[in-house]
Amino acid sequence: MERMTGPLARGFTVRRFAAGDSVEELTALLHRAYADHAAAGRVFFASYQSVQDTAHRLGAGECWVACRGTKLVGSVTVAAPCTMPAGYPVPAGAGSFWQLAVDPAYRGTGLGQRLLALAEERVVALGSTVAVIDTSAEAIELVGWYRRRGYLPVGTWRWDVTNYESVVLLKDLAT
């Protein structure tokens, strides 16, 4: 178990998703965290995925959760190397993360930044030196958030479970 420190992250615990944790609670967190995107017309898969979808996505990597006391307030799932469809603009051996989510009540606390840093640390620990992600090209503020953290656009992709074109972003973690 990792105890988060620092003025913005105080009071949160980050740990691996465990067998006794609730996939239903994680799914509800994802729905809350992505609801503002859906309200803006960007239907992220995490805004509507089923409990079964969440369980499937958990099984494709390491899921980490952030808790405040016993309440689940954040998550990220990491895999390295990641498996992407043919044609997806990703270098061989790259790592990725998904379901990066912070409960809206805890935005602005630094929790999202800490979960991103953890995802990058895990990508490296799992043997990759590059992280690749994608998000809605229309989510200008989110794309900007990633760009300010060193992610650069390398292409686009269209998933069949969303209603938008994604911008694919890459970060070299070796430096």
Protein backbone atom coordinates (compact mmCIF):
# COMPACT_ATOMS: atom_id res chain seq x y z
CA MET A 1 0.00 0.00 0.00
CA GLU A 2 1.30 3.45 -0.89
CA ARG A 3 0.49 6.44 1.25
CA MET A 4 0.29 9.63 -0.78
CA THR A 5 2.11 12.64 0.60
CA GLY A 6 2.22 16.32 -0.15
CA PRO A 7 -0.25 19.13 0.40
CA LEU A 8 -2.50 18.28 -2.54
CA ALA A 9 -2.58 14.52 -2.07
CA ARG A 10 -2.98 14.37 1.71
CA GLY A 11 -5.56 11.95 3.01
CA PHE A 12 -5.64 9.54 0.05
CA THR A 13 -4.37 5.97 -0.06
CA VAL A 14 -3.41 4.39 -3.38
CA ARG A 15 -3.28 0.61 -3.70
CA ARG A 16 -3.88 -2.23 -6.14
CA PHE A 17 -7.48 -3.22 -6.78
CA ALA A 18 -8.00 -6.35 -4.68
CA ALA A 19 -10.21 -9.42 -4.90
CA GLY A 20 -12.64 -8.08 -2.27
CA ASP A 21 -13.07 -4.70 -3.97
CA SER A 22 -16.33 -3.89 -5.72
CA VAL A 23 -16.34 -3.79 -9.51
CA GLU A 24 -19.78 -2.18 -9.20
CA GLU A 25 -18.33 0.65 -7.08
CA LEU A 26 -15.48 1.14 -9.58
CA THR A 27 -17.98 1.25 -12.46
CA ALA A 28 -20.04 3.87 -10.62
CA LEU A 29 -16.88 5.94 -10.04
CA LEU A 30 -16.05 5.78 -13.75
CA HIS A 31 -19.59 6.88 -14.66
CA ARG A 32 -19.35 9.86 -12.26
CA ALA A 33 -15.85 10.82 -13.40
CA TYR A 34 -16.76 10.82 -17.10
CA ALA A 35 -20.30 12.22 -16.80
CA ASP A 36 -19.24 15.78 -17.67
CA HIS A 37 -17.75 14.55 -20.95
CA ALA A 38 -20.97 12.73 -21.80
CA ALA A 39 -22.98 15.85 -20.91
CA ALA A 40 -20.79 17.80 -23.36
CA GLY A 41 -21.61 15.26 -26.09
CA ARG A 42 -18.35 13.26 -25.87
CA VAL A 43 -19.43 9.75 -25.02
CA PHE A 44 -16.34 8.19 -23.44
CA PHE A 45 -16.71 4.41 -23.01
CA ALA A 46 -16.11 4.81 -19.25
CA SER A 47 -19.20 7.03 -19.03
CA TYR A 48 -21.52 4.13 -19.83
CA GLN A 49 -19.59 0.84 -19.64
CA SER A 50 -21.23 -2.07 -17.84
CA VAL A 51 -19.90 -3.81 -14.73
CA GLN A 52 -18.87 -6.68 -17.04
CA ASP A 53 -16.94 -4.23 -19.26
CA THR A 54 -15.18 -2.83 -16.20
CA ALA A 55 -14.21 -6.34 -15.06
CA HIS A 56 -12.90 -7.15 -18.53
CA ARG A 57 -10.83 -3.93 -18.67
CA LEU A 58 -9.47 -4.64 -15.17
CA GLY A 59 -8.26 -8.02 -16.39
CA ALA A 60 -6.19 -6.43 -19.15
CA GLY A 61 -3.77 -4.71 -16.78
CA GLU A 62 -2.96 -3.61 -13.25
CA CYS A 63 -5.75 -1.58 -11.70
CA TRP A 64 -4.80 0.90 -9.00
CA VAL A 65 -7.39 2.67 -6.89
CA ALA A 66 -7.31 5.77 -4.72
CA CYS A 67 -9.36 5.79 -1.54
CA ARG A 68 -10.30 8.40 0.99
CA GLY A 69 -11.04 6.33 4.05
CA THR A 70 -13.15 3.50 2.67
CA LYS A 71 -14.53 5.51 -0.27
CA LEU A 72 -13.20 4.79 -3.76
CA VAL A 73 -12.35 8.18 -5.32
CA GLY A 74 -9.91 7.46 -8.15
CA SER A 75 -8.50 4.77 -10.42
CA VAL A 76 -6.13 3.97 -13.25
CA THR A 77 -5.39 0.72 -15.07
CA VAL A 78 -1.93 0.14 -16.56
CA ALA A 79 -0.43 -2.37 -19.00
CA ALA A 80 3.00 -2.68 -20.57
CA PRO A 81 3.48 -3.64 -23.22
CA CYS A 82 -0.03 -2.83 -24.35
CA THR A 83 -2.05 -4.55 -27.03
CA MET A 84 -3.63 -2.26 -29.61
CA PRO A 85 -5.47 -2.94 -32.87
CA ALA A 86 -3.59 -3.07 -36.17
CA GLY A 87 -3.02 0.43 -37.48
CA TYR A 88 -3.16 2.14 -34.09
CA PRO A 89 -0.22 4.60 -34.08
CA VAL A 90 1.86 3.08 -31.29
CA PRO A 91 5.48 1.93 -31.25
CA ALA A 92 6.14 -1.73 -30.45
CA GLY A 93 6.56 -2.36 -26.74
CA ALA A 94 4.77 0.80 -25.59
CA GLY A 95 2.83 0.81 -22.36
CA SER A 96 -0.55 2.40 -21.83
CA PHE A 97 -3.13 3.22 -19.20
CA TRP A 98 -6.87 3.73 -19.21
CA GLN A 99 -9.76 4.35 -16.86
CA LEU A 100 -7.84 7.24 -15.29
CA ALA A 101 -10.64 8.66 -13.17
CA VAL A 102 -11.10 11.01 -10.24
CA ASP A 103 -14.43 11.46 -8.50
CA PRO A 104 -15.65 14.99 -9.37
CA ALA A 105 -15.78 15.85 -5.65
CA TYR A 106 -11.99 15.37 -5.46
CA ARG A 107 -10.89 17.22 -8.58
CA GLY A 108 -8.30 19.90 -7.94
CA THR A 109 -6.68 17.94 -5.11
CA GLY A 110 -3.72 16.69 -7.18
CA LEU A 111 -5.10 13.16 -7.20
CA GLY A 112 -5.29 12.97 -11.01
CA GLN A 113 -1.66 14.07 -11.29
CA ARG A 114 -0.62 11.46 -8.71
CA LEU A 115 -2.51 8.70 -10.54
CA LEU A 116 -0.88 9.78 -13.81
CA ALA A 117 2.57 9.69 -12.19
CA LEU A 118 1.81 6.24 -10.78
CA ALA A 119 0.69 5.01 -14.22
CA GLU A 120 3.93 6.26 -15.76
CA GLU A 121 6.00 4.66 -12.96
CA ARG A 122 4.22 1.33 -13.50
CA VAL A 123 4.69 1.48 -17.29
CA VAL A 124 8.44 1.82 -16.71
CA ALA A 125 8.49 -0.87 -13.98
CA LEU A 126 6.72 -3.23 -16.40
CA GLY A 127 9.48 -2.70 -18.97
CA SER A 128 8.33 0.02 -21.35
CA THR A 129 9.97 3.39 -21.93
CA VAL A 130 7.05 4.93 -23.83
CA ALA A 131 3.46 5.55 -22.72
CA VAL A 132 0.66 5.94 -25.26
CA ILE A 133 -2.89 7.05 -24.54
CA ASP A 134 -5.81 8.48 -26.44
CA THR A 135 -8.68 10.77 -25.64
CA SER A 136 -11.34 12.72 -27.46
CA ALA A 137 -9.84 15.31 -29.80
CA GLU A 138 -12.81 17.50 -28.77
CA ALA A 139 -11.79 17.40 -25.07
CA ILE A 140 -9.48 20.39 -25.52
CA GLU A 141 -8.93 20.88 -21.78
CA LEU A 142 -8.04 17.21 -21.26
CA VAL A 143 -5.70 17.12 -24.26
CA GLY A 144 -4.06 20.27 -22.86
CA TRP A 145 -3.71 18.63 -19.44
CA TYR A 146 -1.81 15.72 -20.98
CA ARG A 147 0.29 17.99 -23.19
CA ARG A 148 1.37 20.05 -20.16
CA ARG A 149 2.62 16.77 -18.69
CA GLY A 150 4.78 15.92 -21.69
CA TYR A 151 2.41 13.97 -23.96
CA LEU A 152 2.66 14.78 -27.66
CA PRO A 153 0.10 14.01 -30.38
CA VAL A 154 1.24 11.26 -32.78
CA GLY A 155 -1.94 10.45 -34.67
CA THR A 156 -5.66 9.83 -34.46
CA TRP A 157 -7.90 6.82 -33.91
CA ARG A 158 -11.61 6.09 -34.02
CA TRP A 159 -12.94 3.53 -31.51
CA ASP A 160 -16.27 1.86 -32.23
CA VAL A 161 -17.44 2.39 -28.61
CA THR A 162 -17.22 6.20 -28.67
CA ASN A 163 -18.79 8.96 -30.75
CA TYR A 164 -15.65 10.98 -31.48
CA GLU A 165 -12.23 10.86 -33.07
CA SER A 166 -9.44 10.31 -30.56
CA VAL A 167 -6.10 12.04 -30.53
CA VAL A 168 -3.31 9.56 -29.74
CA LEU A 169 -0.70 11.00 -27.37
CA LEU A 170 2.77 9.63 -26.63
CA LYS A 171 5.30 10.35 -23.89
CA ASP A 172 8.90 9.18 -23.79
CA LEU A 173 9.44 8.00 -20.21
CA ALA A 174 13.15 7.25 -20.68
CA THR A 175 14.13 10.88 -20.10
